[in-house]
PDB file of N, CA and C in Angstrom:
ATOM      1  N   UNK A   1     116.577-272.460  89.356  1.00  0.00           N
ATOM      2  CA  UNK A   1     115.719-272.256  88.220  1.00  0.00           C
ATOM      3  C   UNK A   1     114.647-271.237  88.561  1.00  0.00           C
ATOM      4  N   UNK A   2     113.996-270.728  87.539  1.00  0.00           N
ATOM      5  CA  UNK A   2     112.995-269.697  87.766  1.00  0.00           C
ATOM      6  C   UNK A   2     111.689-270.308  88.264  1.00  0.00           C
ATOM      7  N   UNK A   3     110.883-269.468  88.883  1.00  0.00           N
ATOM      8  CA  UNK A   3     109.498-269.795  89.185  1.00  0.00           C
ATOM      9  C   UNK A   3     108.630-268.789  88.450  1.00  0.00           C
ATOM     10  N   UNK A   4     107.474-269.253  87.967  1.00  0.00           N
ATOM     11  CA  UNK A   4     106.650-268.435  87.090  1.00  0.00           C
ATOM     12  C   UNK A   4     105.263-268.236  87.684  1.00  0.00           C
ATOM     13  N   UNK A   5     104.758-267.009  87.590  1.00  0.00           N
ATOM     14  CA  UNK A   5     103.415-266.693  88.069  1.00  0.00           C
ATOM     15  C   UNK A   5     102.696-265.886  86.991  1.00  0.00           C
ATOM     16  N   UNK A   6     101.585-266.436  86.503  1.00  0.00           N
ATOM     17  CA  UNK A   6     100.801-265.745  85.482  1.00  0.00           C
ATOM     18  C   UNK A   6      99.730-264.867  86.134  1.00  0.00           C
ATOM     19  N   UNK A   7      99.322-263.842  85.397  1.00  0.00           N
ATOM     20  CA  UNK A   7      98.206-262.987  85.808  1.00  0.00           C
ATOM     21  C   UNK A   7      97.577-262.385  84.566  1.00  0.00           C
ATOM     22  N   UNK A   8      96.360-261.843  84.748  1.00  0.00           N
ATOM     23  CA  UNK A   8      95.721-261.121  83.662  1.00  0.00           C
ATOM     24  C   UNK A   8      94.580-261.837  82.977  1.00  0.00           C
ATOM     25  N   UNK A   9      94.312-263.061  83.378  1.00  0.00           N
ATOM     26  CA  UNK A   9      93.191-263.765  82.774  1.00  0.00           C
ATOM     27  C   UNK A   9      91.862-263.175  83.218  1.00  0.00           C
ATOM     28  N   UNK A  10      90.792-263.660  82.590  1.00  0.00           N
ATOM     29  CA  UNK A  10      89.468-263.177  82.962  1.00  0.00           C
ATOM     30  C   UNK A  10      88.438-263.509  81.916  1.00  0.00           C
ATOM     31  N   UNK A  11      87.289-262.845  82.034  1.00  0.00           N
ATOM     32  CA  UNK A  11      86.169-263.045  81.115  1.00  0.00           C
ATOM     33  C   UNK A  11      86.072-261.844  80.191  1.00  0.00           C
ATOM     34  N   UNK A  12      85.962-262.105  78.905  1.00  0.00           N
ATOM     35  CA  UNK A  12      85.872-261.031  77.923  1.00  0.00           C
ATOM     36  C   UNK A  12      84.925-261.465  76.813  1.00  0.00           C
ATOM     37  N   UNK A  13      84.289-260.494  76.180  1.00  0.00           N
ATOM     38  CA  UNK A  13      83.417-260.807  75.047  1.00  0.00           C
ATOM     39  C   UNK A  13      84.242-261.041  73.793  1.00  0.00           C
ATOM     40  N   UNK A  14      83.664-261.794  72.887  1.00  0.00           N
ATOM     41  CA  UNK A  14      84.324-262.023  71.600  1.00  0.00           C
ATOM     42  C   UNK A  14      84.660-260.688  70.945  1.00  0.00           C
ATOM     43  N   UNK A  15      85.860-260.625  70.384  1.00  0.00           N
ATOM     44  CA  UNK A  15      86.340-259.398  69.778  1.00  0.00           C
ATOM     45  C   UNK A  15      87.135-258.514  70.715  1.00  0.00           C
ATOM     46  N   UNK A  16      87.099-258.838  71.995  1.00  0.00           N
ATOM     47  CA  UNK A  16      87.805-258.052  72.989  1.00  0.00           C
ATOM     48  C   UNK A  16      89.272-258.445  73.106  1.00  0.00           C
ATOM     49  N   UNK A  17      89.929-257.848  74.101  1.00  0.00           N
ATOM     50  CA  UNK A  17      91.355-258.052  74.310  1.00  0.00           C
ATOM     51  C   UNK A  17      91.650-258.385  75.767  1.00  0.00           C
ATOM     52  N   UNK A  18      92.713-259.118  75.966  1.00  0.00           N
ATOM     53  CA  UNK A  18      93.268-259.374  77.288  1.00  0.00           C
ATOM     54  C   UNK A  18      94.783-259.350  77.175  1.00  0.00           C
ATOM     55  N   UNK A  19      95.411-259.021  78.303  1.00  0.00           N
ATOM     56  CA  UNK A  19      96.866-258.981  78.366  1.00  0.00           C
ATOM     57  C   UNK A  19      97.304-259.884  79.509  1.00  0.00           C
ATOM     58  N   UNK A  20      97.983-260.977  79.163  1.00  0.00           N
ATOM     59  CA  UNK A  20      98.504-261.904  80.160  1.00  0.00           C
ATOM     60  C   UNK A  20      99.949-261.551  80.465  1.00  0.00           C
ATOM     61  N   UNK A  21     100.277-261.592  81.747  1.00  0.00           N
ATOM     62  CA  UNK A  21     101.648-261.356  82.169  1.00  0.00           C
ATOM     63  C   UNK A  21     102.177-262.574  82.903  1.00  0.00           C
ATOM     64  N   UNK A  22     103.467-262.781  82.792  1.00  0.00           N
ATOM     65  CA  UNK A  22     104.130-263.869  83.495  1.00  0.00           C
ATOM     66  C   UNK A  22     105.365-263.272  84.169  1.00  0.00           C
ATOM     67  N   UNK A  23     105.374-263.326  85.489  1.00  0.00           N
ATOM     68  CA  UNK A  23     106.498-262.807  86.256  1.00  0.00           C
ATOM     69  C   UNK A  23     107.392-263.965  86.675  1.00  0.00           C
ATOM     70  N   UNK A  24     108.669-263.810  86.442  1.00  0.00           N
ATOM     71  CA  UNK A  24     109.638-264.851  86.770  1.00  0.00           C
ATOM     72  C   UNK A  24     110.511-264.407  87.933  1.00  0.00           C
ATOM     73  N   UNK A  25     110.696-265.281  88.877  1.00  0.00           N
ATOM     74  CA  UNK A  25     111.616-265.011  89.979  1.00  0.00           C
ATOM     75  C   UNK A  25     112.972-265.612  89.650  1.00  0.00           C
ATOM     76  N   UNK A  26     114.002-265.091  90.288  1.00  0.00           N
ATOM     77  CA  UNK A  26     115.331-265.614  90.035  1.00  0.00           C
ATOM     78  C   UNK A  26     116.116-264.722  89.102  1.00  0.00           C
ATOM     79  N   UNK A  27     117.407-264.929  89.064  1.00  0.00           N
ATOM     80  CA  UNK A  27     118.288-264.040  88.324  1.00  0.00           C
ATOM     81  C   UNK A  27     118.686-264.582  86.965  1.00  0.00           C
ATOM     82  N   UNK A  28     118.117-265.711  86.540  1.00  0.00           N
ATOM     83  CA  UNK A  28     118.548-266.334  85.299  1.00  0.00           C
ATOM     84  C   UNK A  28     117.481-266.305  84.224  1.00  0.00           C
ATOM     85  N   UNK A  29     116.570-265.353  84.323  1.00  0.00           N
ATOM     86  CA  UNK A  29     115.449-265.290  83.374  1.00  0.00           C
ATOM     87  C   UNK A  29     115.942-265.238  81.934  1.00  0.00           C
ATOM     88  N   UNK A  30     117.011-264.509  81.682  1.00  0.00           N
ATOM     89  CA  UNK A  30     117.507-264.360  80.316  1.00  0.00           C
ATOM     90  C   UNK A  30     118.133-265.637  79.770  1.00  0.00           C
ATOM     91  N   UNK A  31     118.265-266.663  80.597  1.00  0.00           N
ATOM     92  CA  UNK A  31     118.774-267.965  80.150  1.00  0.00           C
ATOM     93  C   UNK A  31     117.677-268.836  79.560  1.00  0.00           C
ATOM     94  N   UNK A  32     116.447-268.351  79.603  1.00  0.00           N
ATOM     95  CA  UNK A  32     115.302-269.147  79.173  1.00  0.00           C
ATOM     96  C   UNK A  32     114.602-268.522  77.976  1.00  0.00           C
ATOM     97  N   UNK A  33     114.331-269.352  76.983  1.00  0.00           N
ATOM     98  CA  UNK A  33     113.302-268.983  76.024  1.00  0.00           C
ATOM     99  C   UNK A  33     111.964-269.150  76.738  1.00  0.00           C
ATOM    100  N   UNK A  34     110.979-268.364  76.339  1.00  0.00           N
ATOM    101  CA  UNK A  34     109.691-268.371  77.034  1.00  0.00           C
ATOM    102  C   UNK A  34     108.560-268.696  76.076  1.00  0.00           C
ATOM    103  N   UNK A  35     107.577-269.401  76.589  1.00  0.00           N
ATOM    104  CA  UNK A  35     106.443-269.772  75.765  1.00  0.00           C
ATOM    105  C   UNK A  35     105.133-269.641  76.509  1.00  0.00           C
ATOM    106  N   UNK A  36     104.075-269.563  75.744  1.00  0.00           N
ATOM    107  CA  UNK A  36     102.713-269.631  76.265  1.00  0.00           C
ATOM    108  C   UNK A  36     102.020-270.830  75.625  1.00  0.00           C
ATOM    109  N   UNK A  37     101.326-271.579  76.462  1.00  0.00           N
ATOM    110  CA  UNK A  37     100.532-272.716  76.020  1.00  0.00           C
ATOM    111  C   UNK A  37      99.126-272.539  76.587  1.00  0.00           C
ATOM    112  N   UNK A  38      98.192-273.319  76.061  1.00  0.00           N
ATOM    113  CA  UNK A  38      96.839-273.269  76.611  1.00  0.00           C
ATOM    114  C   UNK A  38      96.224-274.659  76.581  1.00  0.00           C
ATOM    115  N   UNK A  39      95.265-274.854  77.465  1.00  0.00           N
ATOM    116  CA  UNK A  39      94.577-276.136  77.530  1.00  0.00           C
ATOM    117  C   UNK A  39      93.098-275.899  77.807  1.00  0.00           C
ATOM    118  N   UNK A  40      92.279-276.324  76.868  1.00  0.00           N
ATOM    119  CA  UNK A  40      90.833-276.246  77.022  1.00  0.00           C
ATOM    120  C   UNK A  40      90.336-277.563  77.610  1.00  0.00           C
ATOM    121  N   UNK A  41      89.157-277.550  78.238  1.00  0.00           N
ATOM    122  CA  UNK A  41      88.621-278.772  78.837  1.00  0.00           C
ATOM    123  C   UNK A  41      88.516-279.900  77.813  1.00  0.00           C
ATOM    124  N   UNK A  42      89.016-281.059  78.177  1.00  0.00           N
ATOM    125  CA  UNK A  42      88.930-282.216  77.309  1.00  0.00           C
ATOM    126  C   UNK A  42      89.916-282.229  76.155  1.00  0.00           C
ATOM    127  N   UNK A  43      90.813-281.260  76.138  1.00  0.00           N
ATOM    128  CA  UNK A  43      91.778-281.184  75.037  1.00  0.00           C
ATOM    129  C   UNK A  43      93.203-281.208  75.573  1.00  0.00           C
ATOM    130  N   UNK A  44      94.133-281.544  74.714  1.00  0.00           N
ATOM    131  CA  UNK A  44      95.537-281.543  75.105  1.00  0.00           C
ATOM    132  C   UNK A  44      96.068-280.111  75.167  1.00  0.00           C
ATOM    133  N   UNK A  45      97.125-279.963  75.950  1.00  0.00           N
ATOM    134  CA  UNK A  45      97.785-278.666  76.007  1.00  0.00           C
ATOM    135  C   UNK A  45      98.386-278.345  74.646  1.00  0.00           C
ATOM    136  N   UNK A  46      98.199-277.114  74.193  1.00  0.00           N
ATOM    137  CA  UNK A  46      98.692-276.753  72.865  1.00  0.00           C
ATOM    138  C   UNK A  46      99.545-275.490  72.910  1.00  0.00           C
ATOM    139  N   UNK A  47     100.471-275.438  71.996  1.00  0.00           N
ATOM    140  CA  UNK A  47     101.364-274.290  71.865  1.00  0.00           C
ATOM    141  C   UNK A  47     100.604-273.068  71.372  1.00  0.00           C
ATOM    142  N   UNK A  48     100.935-271.908  71.936  1.00  0.00           N
ATOM    143  CA  UNK A  48     100.333-270.648  71.505  1.00  0.00           C
ATOM    144  C   UNK A  48     101.388-269.717  70.906  1.00  0.00           C
ATOM    145  N   UNK A  49     102.450-269.441  71.659  1.00  0.00           N
ATOM    146  CA  UNK A  49     103.467-268.505  71.195  1.00  0.00           C
ATOM    147  C   UNK A  49     104.741-268.723  71.992  1.00  0.00           C
ATOM    148  N   UNK A  50     105.871-268.322  71.405  1.00  0.00           N
ATOM    149  CA  UNK A  50     107.151-268.426  72.095  1.00  0.00           C
ATOM    150  C   UNK A  50     108.058-267.302  71.641  1.00  0.00           C
ATOM    151  N   UNK A  51     109.023-266.978  72.498  1.00  0.00           N
ATOM    152  CA  UNK A  51     109.977-265.924  72.191  1.00  0.00           C
ATOM    153  C   UNK A  51     111.348-266.361  72.686  1.00  0.00           C
ATOM    154  N   UNK A  52     112.377-266.024  71.938  1.00  0.00           N
ATOM    155  CA  UNK A  52     113.725-266.471  72.265  1.00  0.00           C
ATOM    156  C   UNK A  52     114.283-265.732  73.481  1.00  0.00           C
ATOM    157  N   UNK A  53     115.420-266.194  73.947  1.00  0.00           N
ATOM    158  CA  UNK A  53     116.091-265.570  75.096  1.00  0.00           C
ATOM    159  C   UNK A  53     116.372-264.098  74.840  1.00  0.00           C
ATOM    160  N   UNK A  54     116.738-263.781  73.623  1.00  0.00           N
ATOM    161  CA  UNK A  54     117.116-262.410  73.284  1.00  0.00           C
ATOM    162  C   UNK A  54     115.916-261.503  73.051  1.00  0.00           C
ATOM    163  N   UNK A  55     114.741-262.086  72.920  1.00  0.00           N
ATOM    164  CA  UNK A  55     113.544-261.288  72.635  1.00  0.00           C
ATOM    165  C   UNK A  55     113.199-261.227  71.159  1.00  0.00           C
ATOM    166  N   UNK A  56     114.054-261.754  70.342  1.00  0.00           N
ATOM    167  CA  UNK A  56     113.743-261.813  68.923  1.00  0.00           C
ATOM    168  C   UNK A  56     113.082-263.138  68.595  1.00  0.00           C
ATOM    169  N   UNK A  57     112.820-263.373  67.328  1.00  0.00           N
ATOM    170  CA  UNK A  57     112.271-264.641  66.855  1.00  0.00           C
ATOM    171  C   UNK A  57     110.983-265.061  67.556  1.00  0.00           C
ATOM    172  N   UNK A  58     109.987-264.184  67.690  1.00  0.00           N
ATOM    173  CA  UNK A  58     108.699-264.666  68.197  1.00  0.00           C
ATOM    174  C   UNK A  58     108.083-265.629  67.194  1.00  0.00           C
ATOM    175  N   UNK A  59     107.375-266.598  67.711  1.00  0.00           N
ATOM    176  CA  UNK A  59     106.768-267.629  66.865  1.00  0.00           C
ATOM    177  C   UNK A  59     105.374-267.913  67.397  1.00  0.00           C
ATOM    178  N   UNK A  60     104.433-268.082  66.479  1.00  0.00           N
ATOM    179  CA  UNK A  60     103.034-268.212  66.865  1.00  0.00           C
ATOM    180  C   UNK A  60     102.379-269.440  66.235  1.00  0.00           C
ATOM    181  N   UNK A  61     101.427-269.978  66.950  1.00  0.00           N
ATOM    182  CA  UNK A  61     100.563-270.980  66.350  1.00  0.00           C
ATOM    183  C   UNK A  61      99.727-270.306  65.271  1.00  0.00           C
ATOM    184  N   UNK A  62      99.393-271.045  64.236  1.00  0.00           N
ATOM    185  CA  UNK A  62      98.605-270.475  63.143  1.00  0.00           C
ATOM    186  C   UNK A  62      97.269-269.919  63.645  1.00  0.00           C
ATOM    187  N   UNK A  63      96.724-270.550  64.664  1.00  0.00           N
ATOM    188  CA  UNK A  63      95.399-270.164  65.149  1.00  0.00           C
ATOM    189  C   UNK A  63      95.384-268.789  65.809  1.00  0.00           C
ATOM    190  N   UNK A  64      96.554-268.273  66.207  1.00  0.00           N
ATOM    191  CA  UNK A  64      96.597-266.984  66.890  1.00  0.00           C
ATOM    192  C   UNK A  64      97.411-265.948  66.125  1.00  0.00           C
ATOM    193  N   UNK A  65      98.028-266.340  65.054  1.00  0.00           N
ATOM    194  CA  UNK A  65      98.888-265.435  64.293  1.00  0.00           C
ATOM    195  C   UNK A  65      98.087-264.234  63.815  1.00  0.00           C
ATOM    196  N   UNK A  66      98.660-263.047  64.019  1.00  0.00           N
ATOM    197  CA  UNK A  66      97.979-261.820  63.628  1.00  0.00           C
ATOM    198  C   UNK A  66      97.049-261.264  64.691  1.00  0.00           C
ATOM    199  N   UNK A  67      96.771-262.054  65.732  1.00  0.00           N
ATOM    200  CA  UNK A  67      95.895-261.586  66.815  1.00  0.00           C
ATOM    201  C   UNK A  67      96.632-261.473  68.146  1.00  0.00           C
ATOM    202  N   UNK A  68      97.599-262.351  68.377  1.00  0.00           N
ATOM    203  CA  UNK A  68      98.345-262.377  69.636  1.00  0.00           C
ATOM    204  C   UNK A  68      99.771-261.879  69.391  1.00  0.00           C
ATOM    205  N   UNK A  69     100.319-261.244  70.423  1.00  0.00           N
ATOM    206  CA  UNK A  69     101.702-260.782  70.363  1.00  0.00           C
ATOM    207  C   UNK A  69     102.409-261.150  71.663  1.00  0.00           C
ATOM    208  N   UNK A  70     103.562-261.796  71.540  1.00  0.00           N
ATOM    209  CA  UNK A  70     104.371-262.135  72.711  1.00  0.00           C
ATOM    210  C   UNK A  70     105.548-261.182  72.781  1.00  0.00           C
ATOM    211  N   UNK A  71     105.885-260.765  73.997  1.00  0.00           N
ATOM    212  CA  UNK A  71     107.041-259.898  74.191  1.00  0.00           C
ATOM    213  C   UNK A  71     107.652-260.206  75.549  1.00  0.00           C
ATOM    214  N   UNK A  72     108.883-259.775  75.746  1.00  0.00           N
ATOM    215  CA  UNK A  72     109.542-260.006  77.025  1.00  0.00           C
ATOM    216  C   UNK A  72     110.394-258.809  77.391  1.00  0.00           C
ATOM    217  N   UNK A  73     110.605-258.645  78.692  1.00  0.00           N
ATOM    218  CA  UNK A  73     111.475-257.601  79.217  1.00  0.00           C
ATOM    219  C   UNK A  73     112.439-258.294  80.171  1.00  0.00           C
ATOM    220  N   UNK A  74     113.661-258.525  79.727  1.00  0.00           N
ATOM    221  CA  UNK A  74     114.627-259.259  80.551  1.00  0.00           C
ATOM    222  C   UNK A  74     115.054-258.461  81.784  1.00  0.00           C
ATOM    223  N   UNK A  75     114.955-257.156  81.715  1.00  0.00           N
ATOM    224  CA  UNK A  75     115.309-256.333  82.875  1.00  0.00           C
ATOM    225  C   UNK A  75     114.260-256.456  83.984  1.00  0.00           C
ATOM    226  N   UNK A  76     113.015-256.735  83.595  1.00  0.00           N
ATOM    227  CA  UNK A  76     111.922-256.842  84.566  1.00  0.00           C
ATOM    228  C   UNK A  76     111.490-258.290  84.797  1.00  0.00           C
ATOM    229  N   UNK A  77     112.171-259.234  84.143  1.00  0.00           N
ATOM    230  CA  UNK A  77     111.838-260.659  84.305  1.00  0.00           C
ATOM    231  C   UNK A  77     110.377-260.955  84.008  1.00  0.00           C
ATOM    232  N   UNK A  78     109.877-260.396  82.920  1.00  0.00           N
ATOM    233  CA  UNK A  78     108.479-260.613  82.577  1.00  0.00           C
ATOM    234  C   UNK A  78     108.329-260.983  81.097  1.00  0.00           C
ATOM    235  N   UNK A  79     107.287-261.713  80.830  1.00  0.00           N
ATOM    236  CA  UNK A  79     106.874-262.007  79.462  1.00  0.00           C
ATOM    237  C   UNK A  79     105.376-261.750  79.383  1.00  0.00           C
ATOM    238  N   UNK A  80     104.965-261.153  78.297  1.00  0.00           N
ATOM    239  CA  UNK A  80     103.581-260.711  78.127  1.00  0.00           C
ATOM    240  C   UNK A  80     102.986-261.331  76.873  1.00  0.00           C
ATOM    241  N   UNK A  81     101.736-261.718  76.977  1.00  0.00           N
ATOM    242  CA  UNK A  81     100.988-262.173  75.799  1.00  0.00           C
ATOM    243  C   UNK A  81      99.801-261.225  75.628  1.00  0.00           C
ATOM    244  N   UNK A  82      99.864-260.385  74.613  1.00  0.00           N
ATOM    245  CA  UNK A  82      98.764-259.486  74.282  1.00  0.00           C
ATOM    246  C   UNK A  82      97.828-260.209  73.323  1.00  0.00           C
ATOM    247  N   UNK A  83      96.572-260.336  73.732  1.00  0.00           N
ATOM    248  CA  UNK A  83      95.604-261.096  72.950  1.00  0.00           C
ATOM    249  C   UNK A  83      94.496-260.151  72.474  1.00  0.00           C
ATOM    250  N   UNK A  84      94.390-259.997  71.180  1.00  0.00           N
ATOM    251  CA  UNK A  84      93.372-259.137  70.575  1.00  0.00           C
ATOM    252  C   UNK A  84      92.417-259.978  69.733  1.00  0.00           C
ATOM    253  N   UNK A  85      91.285-259.391  69.400  1.00  0.00           N
ATOM    254  CA  UNK A  85      90.289-260.056  68.549  1.00  0.00           C
ATOM    255  C   UNK A  85      89.991-261.461  69.058  1.00  0.00           C
ATOM    256  N   UNK A  86      89.745-261.566  70.330  1.00  0.00           N
ATOM    257  CA  UNK A  86      89.551-262.875  70.944  1.00  0.00           C
ATOM    258  C   UNK A  86      88.284-263.560  70.436  1.00  0.00           C
ATOM    259  N   UNK A  87      88.375-264.874  70.372  1.00  0.00           N
ATOM    260  CA  UNK A  87      87.279-265.708  69.891  1.00  0.00           C
ATOM    261  C   UNK A  87      86.880-266.700  70.990  1.00  0.00           C
ATOM    262  N   UNK A  88      85.659-267.193  70.946  1.00  0.00           N
ATOM    263  CA  UNK A  88      85.250-268.189  71.954  1.00  0.00           C
ATOM    264  C   UNK A  88      86.183-269.397  71.988  1.00  0.00           C
ATOM    265  N   UNK A  89      86.734-269.763  70.855  1.00  0.00           N
ATOM    266  CA  UNK A  89      87.639-270.921  70.818  1.00  0.00           C
ATOM    267  C   UNK A  89      88.995-270.644  71.463  1.00  0.00           C
ATOM    268  N   UNK A  90      89.236-269.414  71.874  1.00  0.00           N
ATOM    269  CA  UNK A  90      90.448-269.097  72.631  1.00  0.00           C
ATOM    270  C   UNK A  90      90.274-269.406  74.120  1.00  0.00           C
ATOM    271  N   UNK A  91      89.076-269.757  74.525  1.00  0.00           N
ATOM    272  CA  UNK A  91      88.818-270.078  75.926  1.00  0.00           C
ATOM    273  C   UNK A  91      89.657-271.272  76.374  1.00  0.00           C
ATOM    274  N   UNK A  92      90.418-271.079  77.449  1.00  0.00           N
ATOM    275  CA  UNK A  92      91.316-272.124  77.953  1.00  0.00           C
ATOM    276  C   UNK A  92      92.024-271.615  79.199  1.00  0.00           C
ATOM    277  N   UNK A  93      92.727-272.510  79.847  1.00  0.00           N
ATOM    278  CA  UNK A  93      93.704-272.113  80.857  1.00  0.00           C
ATOM    279  C   UNK A  93      95.016-271.868  80.129  1.00  0.00           C
ATOM    280  N   UNK A  94      95.593-270.709  80.353  1.00  0.00           N
ATOM    281  CA  UNK A  94      96.831-270.320  79.685  1.00  0.00           C
ATOM    282  C   UNK A  94      98.000-270.468  80.654  1.00  0.00           C
ATOM    283  N   UNK A  95      99.064-271.099  80.164  1.00  0.00           N
ATOM    284  CA  UNK A  95     100.239-271.373  80.971  1.00  0.00           C
ATOM    285  C   UNK A  95     101.468-270.695  80.377  1.00  0.00           C
ATOM    286  N   UNK A  96     102.239-270.116  81.243  1.00  0.00           N
ATOM    287  CA  UNK A  96     103.550-269.593  80.889  1.00  0.00           C
ATOM    288  C   UNK A  96     104.579-270.699  81.151  1.00  0.00           C
ATOM    289  N   UNK A  97     105.582-270.805  80.294  1.00  0.00           N
ATOM    290  CA  UNK A  97     106.580-271.853  80.453  1.00  0.00           C
ATOM    291  C   UNK A  97     107.960-271.346  80.059  1.00  0.00           C
ATOM    292  N   UNK A  98     108.976-271.929  80.694  1.00  0.00           N
ATOM    293  CA  UNK A  98     110.362-271.519  80.455  1.00  0.00           C
ATOM    294  C   UNK A  98     111.171-272.699  79.933  1.00  0.00           C
ATOM    295  N   UNK A  99     111.951-272.434  78.907  1.00  0.00           N
ATOM    296  CA  UNK A  99     112.787-273.444  78.242  1.00  0.00           C
ATOM    297  C   UNK A  99     114.244-273.012  78.389  1.00  0.00           C
ATOM    298  N   UNK A 100     114.989-273.716  79.241  1.00  0.00           N
ATOM    299  CA  UNK A 100     116.395-273.376  79.414  1.00  0.00           C
ATOM    300  C   UNK A 100     117.180-273.891  78.217  1.00  0.00           C
ATOM    301  N   UNK A 101     117.642-272.963  77.407  1.00  0.00           N
ATOM    302  CA  UNK A 101     118.324-273.328  76.170  1.00  0.00           C
ATOM    303  C   UNK A 101     119.613-272.534  76.023  1.00  0.00           C
ATOM    304  N   UNK A 102     120.616-273.173  75.434  1.00  0.00           N
ATOM    305  CA  UNK A 102     121.896-272.508  75.198  1.00  0.00           C
ATOM    306  C   UNK A 102     121.756-271.442  74.116  1.00  0.00           C
ATOM    307  N   UNK A 103     120.924-271.708  73.140  1.00  0.00           N
ATOM    308  CA  UNK A 103     120.797-270.802  72.004  1.00  0.00           C
ATOM    309  C   UNK A 103     120.041-269.539  72.386  1.00  0.00           C
ATOM    310  N   UNK A 104     120.529-268.410  71.919  1.00  0.00           N
ATOM    311  CA  UNK A 104     119.866-267.133  72.179  1.00  0.00           C
ATOM    312  C   UNK A 104     118.712-266.882  71.227  1.00  0.00           C
ATOM    313  N   UNK A 105     118.613-267.685  70.176  1.00  0.00           N
ATOM    314  CA  UNK A 105     117.591-267.403  69.160  1.00  0.00           C
ATOM    315  C   UNK A 105     116.596-268.539  68.967  1.00  0.00           C
ATOM    316  N   UNK A 106     116.806-269.661  69.617  1.00  0.00           N
ATOM    317  CA  UNK A 106     115.923-270.817  69.419  1.00  0.00           C
ATOM    318  C   UNK A 106     114.601-270.642  70.142  1.00  0.00           C
ATOM    319  N   UNK A 107     113.520-271.027  69.471  1.00  0.00           N
ATOM    320  CA  UNK A 107     112.240-271.191  70.142  1.00  0.00           C
ATOM    321  C   UNK A 107     111.719-272.578  69.789  1.00  0.00           C
ATOM    322  N   UNK A 108     111.030-273.201  70.726  1.00  0.00           N
ATOM    323  CA  UNK A 108     110.493-274.536  70.516  1.00  0.00           C
ATOM    324  C   UNK A 108     109.011-274.555  70.831  1.00  0.00           C
ATOM    325  N   UNK A 109     108.303-275.443  70.167  1.00  0.00           N
ATOM    326  CA  UNK A 109     106.845-275.480  70.298  1.00  0.00           C
ATOM    327  C   UNK A 109     106.341-276.692  71.070  1.00  0.00           C
ATOM    328  N   UNK A 110     107.213-277.652  71.335  1.00  0.00           N
ATOM    329  CA  UNK A 110     106.784-278.863  72.043  1.00  0.00           C
ATOM    330  C   UNK A 110     106.767-278.609  73.544  1.00  0.00           C
ATOM    331  N   UNK A 111     105.661-278.971  74.175  1.00  0.00           N
ATOM    332  CA  UNK A 111     105.531-278.722  75.612  1.00  0.00           C
ATOM    333  C   UNK A 111     106.607-279.429  76.414  1.00  0.00           C
ATOM    334  N   UNK A 112     107.032-280.598  75.962  1.00  0.00           N
ATOM    335  CA  UNK A 112     108.027-281.338  76.742  1.00  0.00           C
ATOM    336  C   UNK A 112     109.429-280.757  76.613  1.00  0.00           C
ATOM    337  N   UNK A 113     109.586-279.696  75.838  1.00  0.00           N
ATOM    338  CA  UNK A 113     110.868-278.987  75.768  1.00  0.00           C
ATOM    339  C   UNK A 113     111.018-277.981  76.900  1.00  0.00           C
ATOM    340  N   UNK A 114     109.932-277.685  77.565  1.00  0.00           N
ATOM    341  CA  UNK A 114     109.921-276.638  78.577  1.00  0.00           C
ATOM    342  C   UNK A 114     110.134-277.223  79.966  1.00  0.00           C
ATOM    343  N   UNK A 115     110.982-276.529  80.741  1.00  0.00           N
ATOM    344  CA  UNK A 115     111.435-277.067  82.014  1.00  0.00           C
ATOM    345  C   UNK A 115     110.617-276.588  83.209  1.00  0.00           C
ATOM    346  N   UNK A 116     110.053-275.394  83.102  1.00  0.00           N
ATOM    347  CA  UNK A 116     109.365-274.779  84.233  1.00  0.00           C
ATOM    348  C   UNK A 116     108.013-274.263  83.752  1.00  0.00           C
ATOM    349  N   UNK A 117     106.995-274.455  84.579  1.00  0.00           N
ATOM    350  CA  UNK A 117     105.640-274.044  84.224  1.00  0.00           C
ATOM    351  C   UNK A 117     105.024-273.220  85.347  1.00  0.00           C
ATOM    352  N   UNK A 118     104.182-272.281  84.951  1.00  0.00           N
ATOM    353  CA  UNK A 118     103.376-271.558  85.912  1.00  0.00           C
ATOM    354  C   UNK A 118     102.123-272.339  86.258  1.00  0.00           C
ATOM    355  N   UNK A 119     101.301-271.742  87.115  1.00  0.00           N
ATOM    356  CA  UNK A 119     100.106-272.436  87.597  1.00  0.00           C
ATOM    357  C   UNK A 119      98.927-272.285  86.654  1.00  0.00           C
ATOM    358  N   UNK A 120      99.005-271.355  85.731  1.00  0.00           N
ATOM    359  CA  UNK A 120      97.942-271.152  84.754  1.00  0.00           C
ATOM    360  C   UNK A 120      96.978-270.053  85.150  1.00  0.00           C
ATOM    361  N   UNK A 121      96.371-269.434  84.146  1.00  0.00           N
ATOM    362  CA  UNK A 121      95.356-268.414  84.362  1.00  0.00           C
ATOM    363  C   UNK A 121      94.216-268.636  83.367  1.00  0.00           C
ATOM    364  N   UNK A 122      92.990-268.535  83.867  1.00  0.00           N
ATOM    365  CA  UNK A 122      91.826-268.851  83.038  1.00  0.00           C
ATOM    366  C   UNK A 122      91.469-267.680  82.139  1.00  0.00           C
ATOM    367  N   UNK A 123      91.247-267.972  80.870  1.00  0.00           N
ATOM    368  CA  UNK A 123      90.735-267.003  79.910  1.00  0.00           C
ATOM    369  C   UNK A 123      89.428-267.552  79.362  1.00  0.00           C
ATOM    370  N   UNK A 124      88.368-266.767  79.485  1.00  0.00           N
ATOM    371  CA  UNK A 124      87.063-267.171  78.991  1.00  0.00           C
ATOM    372  C   UNK A 124      86.545-266.103  78.053  1.00  0.00           C
ATOM    373  N   UNK A 125      86.211-266.509  76.831  1.00  0.00           N
ATOM    374  CA  UNK A 125      85.702-265.586  75.819  1.00  0.00           C
ATOM    375  C   UNK A 125      84.265-265.958  75.522  1.00  0.00           C
ATOM    376  N   UNK A 126      83.365-265.044  75.788  1.00  0.00           N
ATOM    377  CA  UNK A 126      81.945-265.309  75.565  1.00  0.00           C
ATOM    378  C   UNK A 126      81.526-264.846  74.176  1.00  0.00           C
ATOM    379  N   UNK A 127      80.565-265.547  73.610  1.00  0.00           N
ATOM    380  CA  UNK A 127      80.105-265.213  72.250  1.00  0.00           C
ATOM    381  C   UNK A 127      78.970-264.216  72.291  1.00  0.00           C
TER     382      UNK A 127
END
């Protein structure tokens, strides 16, 4: 199975942008749908965005729709979350996750559907 390493977190002012990357090791990256989740202090982990194995069918939480964009490059084993117009409420630890699925077009939003998780990267948005 793949192993995932996130990068790109940091501190940014409200209205700014950050680009999170998730690098996957292993040769089966294209067998996984990929997702991003986040967890703020005292809150449950929540779905942010997901993309299918083929790279189509991106899906977003309502709270980030129109501001965040998920993309993947199967040749480079990477998935990227571009975050624009950031708000203080976006502050959280962001996790990359992999969902081994037979379907090339399925994306899922439940955290327990995902088989592999990265270690997380902190995103802090100041007001």
